Structure formats: C-alpha cells, structure tokens
Amino acid sequence: MDVKYDLASYVRVLKMASTPSWNEFSQIAKVAGAGIFLVGLLGFVIFAVMTLLPGGV
C-alpha cells in the first residue's frame, strides 16, 4: 500500500469536487424524496395486502 499515492489520489478528487448549485441540489433532493416515498408506499401496499388476505398478520 503506497500511502503517498493514495493521499495524492484523495487530494486530486477533493480538488475536482465542487459544491452543487441550488437547482442541482433541489433536483437530487426531489428524486431522493420520491424514492423514499415509493419504497414506503410499496411497504404499505404489501402490509395492506397481507392484512386483508385470510390468515394474514
């Protein structure tokens, strides 16, 4: 393991990184929120189907 090479790689990546613009951030937040909502909705639908089936939870 070459520590100097690893540190140089990390520094290079940090120099290339930039803060996202407000539009970019809000778009990412909307997509992440929609994903969380869809996973929760899917879990609720599965729970509701399992509850309504005979012998469900």
C-alpha atoms as a PDB file:
ATOM      1  CA  MET A   1       0.000   0.000   0.000  1.00  0.00           C
ATOM      2  CA  ASP A   2       1.538   3.259  -1.174  1.00  0.00           C
ATOM      3  CA  VAL A   3       0.380   5.962   1.228  1.00  0.00           C
ATOM      4  CA  LYS A   4       1.735   8.876  -0.840  1.00  0.00           C
ATOM      5  CA  TYR A   5      -0.084   7.659  -3.947  1.00  0.00           C
ATOM      6  CA  ASP A   6      -3.328   7.190  -2.012  1.00  0.00           C
ATOM      7  CA  LEU A   7      -3.134  10.650  -0.449  1.00  0.00           C
ATOM      8  CA  ALA A   8      -2.383  12.225  -3.826  1.00  0.00           C
ATOM      9  CA  SER A   9      -5.433  10.494  -5.279  1.00  0.00           C
ATOM     10  CA  TYR A  10      -7.644  11.759  -2.450  1.00  0.00           C
ATOM     11  CA  VAL A  11      -6.354  15.307  -2.826  1.00  0.00           C
ATOM     12  CA  ARG A  12      -6.943  15.209  -6.595  1.00  0.00           C
ATOM     13  CA  VAL A  13     -10.546  14.100  -6.098  1.00  0.00           C
ATOM     14  CA  LEU A  14     -11.189  16.790  -3.480  1.00  0.00           C
ATOM     15  CA  LYS A  15      -9.775  19.478  -5.792  1.00  0.00           C
ATOM     16  CA  MET A  16     -12.119  18.365  -8.594  1.00  0.00           C
ATOM     17  CA  ALA A  17     -15.170  18.277  -6.319  1.00  0.00           C
ATOM     18  CA  SER A  18     -17.417  21.325  -6.223  1.00  0.00           C
ATOM     19  CA  THR A  19     -20.470  22.430  -4.316  1.00  0.00           C
ATOM     20  CA  PRO A  20     -23.668  21.745  -6.287  1.00  0.00           C
ATOM     21  CA  SER A  21     -25.825  24.636  -7.396  1.00  0.00           C
ATOM     22  CA  TRP A  22     -29.190  25.170  -5.747  1.00  0.00           C
ATOM     23  CA  ASN A  23     -31.028  23.758  -8.785  1.00  0.00           C
ATOM     24  CA  GLU A  24     -28.861  20.643  -8.822  1.00  0.00           C
ATOM     25  CA  PHE A  25     -29.316  20.143  -5.079  1.00  0.00           C
ATOM     26  CA  SER A  26     -33.090  20.583  -5.217  1.00  0.00           C
ATOM     27  CA  GLN A  27     -33.392  18.129  -8.110  1.00  0.00           C
ATOM     28  CA  ILE A  28     -31.374  15.499  -6.225  1.00  0.00           C
ATOM     29  CA  ALA A  29     -33.477  16.104  -3.108  1.00  0.00           C
ATOM     30  CA  LYS A  30     -36.710  15.658  -5.087  1.00  0.00           C
ATOM     31  CA  VAL A  31     -35.523  12.391  -6.638  1.00  0.00           C
ATOM     32  CA  ALA A  32     -34.352  11.049  -3.261  1.00  0.00           C
ATOM     33  CA  GLY A  33     -37.650  12.080  -1.641  1.00  0.00           C
ATOM     34  CA  ALA A  34     -39.650  10.406  -4.388  1.00  0.00           C
ATOM     35  CA  GLY A  35     -37.618   7.217  -3.938  1.00  0.00           C
ATOM     36  CA  ILE A  36     -38.219   7.195  -0.177  1.00  0.00           C
ATOM     37  CA  PHE A  37     -41.933   7.799  -0.750  1.00  0.00           C
ATOM     38  CA  LEU A  38     -42.197   4.975  -3.292  1.00  0.00           C
ATOM     39  CA  VAL A  39     -40.409   2.485  -1.033  1.00  0.00           C
ATOM     40  CA  GLY A  40     -42.709   3.436   1.846  1.00  0.00           C
ATOM     41  CA  LEU A  41     -45.776   3.158  -0.362  1.00  0.00           C
ATOM     42  CA  LEU A  42     -44.671  -0.261  -1.589  1.00  0.00           C
ATOM     43  CA  GLY A  43     -44.181  -1.417   2.002  1.00  0.00           C
ATOM     44  CA  PHE A  44     -47.625  -0.135   2.955  1.00  0.00           C
ATOM     45  CA  VAL A  45     -49.266  -1.878  -0.018  1.00  0.00           C
ATOM     46  CA  ILE A  46     -47.570  -5.161   0.889  1.00  0.00           C
ATOM     47  CA  PHE A  47     -48.670  -4.743   4.519  1.00  0.00           C
ATOM     48  CA  ALA A  48     -52.260  -3.960   3.453  1.00  0.00           C
ATOM     49  CA  VAL A  49     -52.424  -6.969   1.123  1.00  0.00           C
ATOM     50  CA  MET A  50     -51.013  -9.295   3.789  1.00  0.00           C
ATOM     51  CA  THR A  51     -53.505  -7.953   6.345  1.00  0.00           C
ATOM     52  CA  LEU A  52     -56.517  -8.373   4.057  1.00  0.00           C
ATOM     53  CA  LEU A  53     -55.623 -11.921   2.974  1.00  0.00           C
ATOM     54  CA  PRO A  54     -57.125 -14.712   5.075  1.00  0.00           C
ATOM     55  CA  GLY A  55     -54.587 -15.904   7.640  1.00  0.00           C
ATOM     56  CA  GLY A  56     -52.592 -12.680   7.337  1.00  0.00           C
ATOM     57  CA  VAL A  57     -50.712 -10.997  10.148  1.00  0.00           C
END
